[in-house]
Amino acid sequence: MKLTLLGTGCPAVHTERYGPAQVVCHGRAAVLVDCGSGVTQRLLAAGLSGRDLDAVLFTHLHSDHIVDLFQLVISSWHQGRDRPQRVYGPPGTRRYVEGLMALWRPELDQRIAHERRPSTAALEVEVVEFGAGEVLALDGLKVEAVEVDHRPVEHAYGFVFEADGARLVLSGDTRPCPDLTRAARGADLLVHEVFVHRELPVVGGLRSAETVANVAAYHTLSDQVGKVAAEAGVGVLVLTHFVPPGCDRGALLAEVAADFDGPVVLGEDLMTLDPIRRSVAHGGAMLGLGRRAPAETDGETAG
């Protein structure tokens, strides 16, 4: 089982951190989680293709997590996909997808008539709406949804991926959440969002003190995320969905490491993590994450 971080950013535009997206591959299965800005370019850079995805999962329906779905559909068609794209999402996903495809229907009809491609199946989207619990199982890969707390957003989820005895947990967007902590207990990897509140000062005409407070209130702060990982007793903490995307990496690492004494990885776009081999690869570099302590392997936790 391998996880590739395709986009580690947030709604703020950044040239190094694209919109939220990651892909989990195991055996012949490839599952995309979220569809942020630039996801199709990042998939290609990772050596993957929308043509071969088995499923697309949405954590929630905030725009930065779903904005490039149509781009994924149309590019997958151009890449030769011969079956519908299957999208799994929380309640409201079907309405969103049907509206999106209806909006683009005139252009699609024109393309279909003019381009005369062998198949139009890739331009169909099959939607499965889910709640907490098992979402899908593919080629030895099991995926479970965990409801998280991103209020006032309703129906926000994290995901637990399991394969070959390894567990990978993706937080989605959430404030510290007991259900997620329980789901992550003893996991090999916890991939968690982070809000670096000290780096979002009040700026006249851009954001008020109320803006900063309200945005912080439904995310996990940089002085909280290490505590979450420690309480869950995870093997490795991986940070993603950086708000702001251009934060001070050294200061963030020191802050999180003060609460969590396991390996902490500051995620980067196109970084690949393997919880079974306990490795991290980015560019031409590869790093081993060491062996887990026996107590952690047996499922004991720090909390």
Protein backbone atom coordinates (compact mmCIF):
# COMPACT_ATOMS: atom_id res chain seq x y z
CA MET A 1 0.00 0.00 0.00
CA LYS A 2 1.43 3.35 -1.06
CA LEU A 3 0.15 6.87 -0.53
CA THR A 4 1.17 9.71 -2.84
CA LEU A 5 0.41 13.25 -1.74
CA LEU A 6 -0.69 14.99 -4.93
CA GLY A 7 -1.69 18.32 -3.40
CA THR A 8 -0.83 19.47 0.12
CA GLY A 9 -2.28 22.97 -0.06
CA CYS A 10 -5.53 24.72 0.73
CA PRO A 11 -7.78 27.30 -1.00
CA ALA A 12 -4.91 29.80 -1.02
CA VAL A 13 -3.12 29.59 -4.39
CA HIS A 14 0.48 28.39 -4.15
CA THR A 15 2.95 27.24 -6.79
CA GLU A 16 4.46 24.46 -4.65
CA ARG A 17 1.35 23.19 -2.89
CA TYR A 18 -1.57 22.38 -5.18
CA GLY A 19 -5.13 21.77 -4.02
CA PRO A 20 -5.92 18.91 -1.61
CA ALA A 21 -5.60 15.46 -3.18
CA GLN A 22 -3.88 12.15 -2.54
CA VAL A 23 -3.93 8.72 -4.14
CA VAL A 24 -3.64 5.33 -2.44
CA CYS A 25 -2.44 2.38 -4.50
CA HIS A 26 -2.41 -1.28 -3.51
CA GLY A 27 -2.07 -4.21 -5.87
CA ARG A 28 -4.06 -3.20 -8.94
CA ALA A 29 -6.29 -0.78 -7.05
CA ALA A 30 -5.90 3.01 -7.25
CA VAL A 31 -8.11 5.25 -5.12
CA LEU A 32 -8.04 9.04 -5.38
CA VAL A 33 -9.04 10.99 -2.27
CA ASP A 34 -10.27 14.51 -3.06
CA CYS A 35 -9.93 16.39 -6.28
CA GLY A 36 -8.30 19.74 -5.58
CA SER A 37 -6.93 22.22 -8.08
CA GLY A 38 -4.24 20.72 -10.31
CA VAL A 39 -4.97 17.10 -9.44
CA THR A 40 -4.75 15.84 -13.02
CA GLN A 41 -1.33 17.41 -13.53
CA ARG A 42 -0.10 15.96 -10.25
CA LEU A 43 -1.44 12.50 -11.13
CA LEU A 44 0.51 12.60 -14.38
CA ALA A 45 3.67 13.76 -12.60
CA ALA A 46 3.27 10.84 -10.20
CA GLY A 47 3.18 8.41 -13.12
CA LEU A 48 -0.54 7.76 -12.78
CA SER A 49 -3.61 8.50 -14.87
CA GLY A 50 -7.26 9.27 -14.36
CA ARG A 51 -7.82 6.53 -16.91
CA ASP A 52 -6.90 3.86 -14.36
CA LEU A 53 -8.58 5.10 -11.17
CA ASP A 54 -10.93 2.63 -9.51
CA ALA A 55 -12.61 5.16 -7.25
CA VAL A 56 -12.66 8.84 -6.30
CA LEU A 57 -13.47 9.59 -2.65
CA PHE A 58 -14.53 12.99 -1.32
CA THR A 59 -13.85 13.85 2.32
CA HIS A 60 -16.41 16.67 2.13
CA LEU A 61 -17.85 19.10 -0.36
CA HIS A 62 -15.77 22.22 0.24
CA SER A 63 -14.72 23.66 -3.11
CA ASP A 64 -10.97 23.20 -2.62
CA HIS A 65 -11.51 19.43 -2.32
CA ILE A 66 -13.76 18.93 -5.36
CA VAL A 67 -13.07 21.78 -7.78
CA ASP A 68 -11.20 19.74 -10.43
CA LEU A 69 -13.63 16.84 -10.74
CA PHE A 70 -14.76 17.85 -14.22
CA GLN A 71 -11.16 18.27 -15.33
CA LEU A 72 -10.52 14.73 -14.08
CA VAL A 73 -13.51 13.40 -16.04
CA ILE A 74 -12.62 15.10 -19.32
CA SER A 75 -8.89 14.35 -19.10
CA SER A 76 -9.57 10.69 -18.26
CA TRP A 77 -11.67 10.48 -21.43
CA HIS A 78 -8.78 11.96 -23.42
CA GLN A 79 -6.46 9.39 -21.80
CA GLY A 80 -8.59 6.53 -23.12
CA ARG A 81 -10.68 5.59 -20.10
CA ASP A 82 -13.36 3.12 -21.17
CA ARG A 83 -15.65 3.08 -18.13
CA PRO A 84 -17.53 5.60 -15.97
CA GLN A 85 -15.70 7.39 -13.18
CA ARG A 86 -17.03 6.17 -9.84
CA VAL A 87 -17.27 8.87 -7.17
CA TYR A 88 -17.92 8.14 -3.49
CA GLY A 89 -18.94 11.08 -1.35
CA PRO A 90 -21.05 12.25 1.59
CA PRO A 91 -24.71 13.21 1.24
CA GLY A 92 -25.02 16.00 -1.33
CA THR A 93 -22.43 14.50 -3.69
CA ARG A 94 -25.02 13.24 -6.18
CA ARG A 95 -26.66 16.64 -6.44
CA TYR A 96 -23.27 18.31 -6.93
CA VAL A 97 -22.13 15.88 -9.62
CA GLU A 98 -25.43 15.98 -11.51
CA GLY A 99 -25.35 19.78 -11.51
CA LEU A 100 -21.72 19.87 -12.61
CA MET A 101 -22.28 17.51 -15.52
CA ALA A 102 -25.46 19.33 -16.55
CA LEU A 103 -23.54 22.60 -16.62
CA TRP A 104 -21.01 21.15 -19.07
CA ARG A 105 -23.54 19.13 -21.11
CA PRO A 106 -23.56 21.43 -24.18
CA GLU A 107 -19.77 21.31 -24.47
CA LEU A 108 -19.72 17.54 -23.94
CA ASP A 109 -22.34 16.98 -26.61
CA GLN A 110 -20.32 19.07 -29.04
CA ARG A 111 -17.08 17.21 -28.23
CA ILE A 112 -18.74 13.82 -28.57
CA ALA A 113 -20.24 14.68 -31.95
CA HIS A 114 -17.09 16.28 -33.34
CA GLU A 115 -14.24 14.20 -31.89
CA ARG A 116 -15.73 10.78 -32.63
CA ARG A 117 -13.77 8.95 -29.95
CA PRO A 118 -14.29 5.17 -29.64
CA SER A 119 -16.14 5.38 -26.30
CA THR A 120 -18.06 7.95 -24.26
CA ALA A 121 -18.33 5.80 -21.14
CA ALA A 122 -15.66 7.87 -19.38
CA LEU A 123 -17.95 10.91 -19.54
CA GLU A 124 -20.41 9.18 -17.24
CA VAL A 125 -20.08 9.53 -13.45
CA GLU A 126 -21.50 6.97 -11.07
CA VAL A 127 -22.10 8.36 -7.57
CA VAL A 128 -22.23 6.39 -4.33
CA GLU A 129 -23.12 8.40 -1.21
CA PHE A 130 -21.86 6.99 2.08
CA GLY A 131 -21.98 7.48 5.83
CA ALA A 132 -19.64 6.27 8.56
CA GLY A 133 -18.46 2.69 8.07
CA GLU A 134 -17.02 0.59 5.27
CA VAL A 135 -17.02 2.39 1.93
CA LEU A 136 -15.35 -0.08 -0.41
CA ALA A 137 -12.98 -3.01 -0.73
CA LEU A 138 -10.70 -3.50 -3.75
CA ASP A 139 -7.95 -6.03 -4.41
CA GLY A 140 -7.12 -6.50 -0.72
CA LEU A 141 -7.55 -2.81 0.12
CA LYS A 142 -10.33 -1.94 2.59
CA VAL A 143 -11.57 1.64 3.08
CA GLU A 144 -13.66 2.85 6.01
CA ALA A 145 -15.13 6.33 6.51
CA VAL A 146 -14.95 8.06 9.90
CA GLU A 147 -17.12 11.10 10.59
CA VAL A 148 -15.02 14.09 11.66
CA ASP A 149 -15.85 17.52 13.06
CA HIS A 150 -15.59 20.27 10.45
CA ARG A 151 -18.69 22.16 11.57
CA PRO A 152 -20.46 24.19 10.29
CA VAL A 153 -19.77 21.85 7.34
CA GLU A 154 -22.06 18.85 7.60
CA HIS A 155 -21.01 15.38 6.51
CA ALA A 156 -17.21 15.60 6.70
CA TYR A 157 -15.15 12.41 6.80
CA GLY A 158 -11.71 10.99 7.25
CA PHE A 159 -10.72 7.58 5.89
CA VAL A 160 -8.99 4.48 7.21
CA PHE A 161 -7.17 2.36 4.60
CA GLU A 162 -6.10 -1.17 5.51
CA ALA A 163 -4.04 -3.66 3.51
CA ASP A 164 -1.57 -6.42 4.36
CA GLY A 165 -1.81 -5.64 8.07
CA ALA A 166 -0.96 -1.95 7.64
CA ARG A 167 -3.29 0.95 8.52
CA LEU A 168 -3.23 4.41 6.99
CA VAL A 169 -5.55 7.13 8.30
CA LEU A 170 -6.41 10.36 6.46
CA SER A 171 -7.98 13.04 8.64
CA GLY A 172 -9.75 15.12 6.02
CA ASP A 173 -10.57 18.61 7.30
CA THR A 174 -11.36 18.59 11.01
CA ARG A 175 -10.83 20.17 14.39
CA PRO A 176 -9.45 17.70 16.98
CA CYS A 177 -12.01 14.93 16.97
CA PRO A 178 -12.35 11.96 19.38
CA ASP A 179 -13.82 9.69 16.69
CA LEU A 180 -10.82 10.27 14.43
CA THR A 181 -8.37 9.76 17.30
CA ARG A 182 -10.02 6.44 18.13
CA ALA A 183 -9.97 5.37 14.48
CA ALA A 184 -6.26 6.26 14.24
CA ARG A 185 -5.24 4.40 17.39
CA GLY A 186 -2.11 2.41 16.63
CA ALA A 187 -2.17 3.30 12.91
CA ASP A 188 1.07 3.05 10.96
CA LEU A 189 0.52 6.45 9.32
CA LEU A 190 -1.72 9.33 10.31
CA VAL A 191 -1.97 11.93 7.54
CA HIS A 192 -3.43 15.01 9.21
CA GLU A 193 -4.32 18.54 8.20
CA VAL A 194 -2.63 21.46 10.00
CA PHE A 195 -3.54 25.12 10.56
CA VAL A 196 -0.50 27.26 11.43
CA HIS A 197 -2.41 30.01 13.19
CA ARG A 198 0.61 32.14 14.14
CA GLU A 199 1.31 32.68 10.43
CA LEU A 200 -2.11 34.10 9.60
CA PRO A 201 -2.05 37.61 11.05
CA VAL A 202 -4.91 40.05 10.72
CA VAL A 203 -4.51 42.02 7.48
CA GLY A 204 -6.77 44.96 6.70
CA GLY A 205 -8.94 44.34 3.67
CA LEU A 206 -7.96 40.65 3.57
CA ARG A 207 -8.87 39.00 6.86
CA SER A 208 -10.14 40.25 10.19
CA ALA A 209 -9.54 38.82 13.65
CA GLU A 210 -12.97 37.19 13.34
CA THR A 211 -11.97 35.61 10.00
CA VAL A 212 -8.84 34.06 11.50
CA ALA A 213 -10.69 32.81 14.58
CA ASN A 214 -13.53 31.30 12.60
CA VAL A 215 -11.27 29.52 10.11
CA ALA A 216 -9.07 28.22 12.94
CA ALA A 217 -12.13 26.93 14.78
CA TYR A 218 -12.83 24.15 12.28
CA HIS A 219 -9.27 23.07 11.63
CA THR A 220 -6.56 21.47 13.79
CA LEU A 221 -3.98 23.95 15.01
CA SER A 222 -0.25 23.37 14.75
CA ASP A 223 0.01 23.20 18.56
CA GLN A 224 -2.74 20.54 18.66
CA VAL A 225 -1.87 18.09 15.91
CA GLY A 226 1.13 16.56 17.72
CA LYS A 227 -1.08 15.91 20.74
CA VAL A 228 -3.61 14.13 18.52
CA ALA A 229 -0.90 11.85 17.12
CA ALA A 230 0.51 11.14 20.60
CA GLU A 231 -2.91 10.30 22.03
CA ALA A 232 -3.61 7.94 19.12
CA GLY A 233 -0.19 6.31 19.45
CA VAL A 234 0.45 6.35 15.70
CA GLY A 235 3.69 5.21 14.13
CA VAL A 236 4.27 8.23 11.88
CA LEU A 237 2.55 11.61 11.65
CA VAL A 238 2.38 13.17 8.18
CA LEU A 239 1.18 16.75 7.84
CA THR A 240 -0.79 18.04 4.85
CA HIS A 241 -3.42 20.67 3.89
CA PHE A 242 -1.10 23.41 5.14
CA VAL A 243 -2.80 26.66 6.04
CA PRO A 244 -1.09 28.88 5.04
CA PRO A 245 0.74 26.85 2.37
CA GLY A 246 3.96 28.85 2.65
CA CYS A 247 4.57 28.37 6.38
CA ASP A 248 7.93 28.21 8.19
CA ARG A 249 8.73 24.47 7.99
CA GLY A 250 11.40 24.46 10.70
CA ALA A 251 9.24 26.25 13.24
CA LEU A 252 6.29 23.97 12.47
CA LEU A 253 8.36 20.81 12.85
CA ALA A 254 9.72 21.95 16.20
CA GLU A 255 6.24 22.84 17.44
CA VAL A 256 4.72 19.48 16.50
CA ALA A 257 7.71 17.44 17.71
CA ALA A 258 7.33 18.98 21.15
CA ASP A 259 4.15 16.92 21.61
CA PHE A 260 4.83 13.83 19.47
CA ASP A 261 8.12 11.94 19.78
CA GLY A 262 7.60 9.69 16.76
CA PRO A 263 8.62 10.52 13.19
CA VAL A 264 6.98 13.69 11.84
CA VAL A 265 6.89 14.21 8.07
CA LEU A 266 6.00 17.58 6.59
CA GLY A 267 4.21 16.48 3.45
CA GLU A 268 5.16 17.84 0.05
CA ASP A 269 3.38 17.52 -3.29
CA LEU A 270 4.40 14.27 -5.04
CA MET A 271 5.80 12.69 -1.87
CA THR A 272 5.13 8.95 -1.60
CA LEU A 273 4.84 7.07 1.70
CA ASP A 274 4.77 3.32 2.18
CA PRO A 275 3.45 2.26 5.62
CA ILE A 276 4.41 -1.38 5.04
CA ARG A 277 8.05 -0.71 4.12
CA ARG A 278 8.05 2.39 6.37
CA SER A 279 9.64 4.60 3.76
CA VAL A 280 9.24 8.10 2.36
CA ALA A 281 10.27 9.07 -1.18
CA HIS A 282 10.35 12.55 -2.69
CA GLY A 283 12.18 13.50 -5.85
CA GLY A 284 15.29 11.32 -5.93
CA ALA A 285 15.50 10.99 -2.16
CA MET A 286 14.27 8.06 -0.06
CA LEU A 287 14.17 7.83 3.72
CA GLY A 288 13.45 4.89 6.01
CA LEU A 289 11.21 5.64 8.97
CA GLY A 290 12.72 2.95 11.23
CA ARG A 291 10.97 0.09 12.94
CA ARG A 292 8.00 0.53 15.19
CA ALA A 293 8.43 -0.20 18.86
CA PRO A 294 7.01 -3.63 19.86
CA ALA A 295 4.33 -2.06 22.07
CA GLU A 296 3.02 0.03 19.18
CA THR A 297 3.03 -2.96 16.84
CA ASP A 298 0.81 -4.79 19.35
CA GLY A 299 -1.69 -1.93 19.23
CA GLU A 300 -0.80 -0.27 22.56
CA THR A 301 -1.02 3.49 22.56
CA ALA A 302 0.21 6.51 24.38
CA GLY A 303 -3.31 7.49 25.31
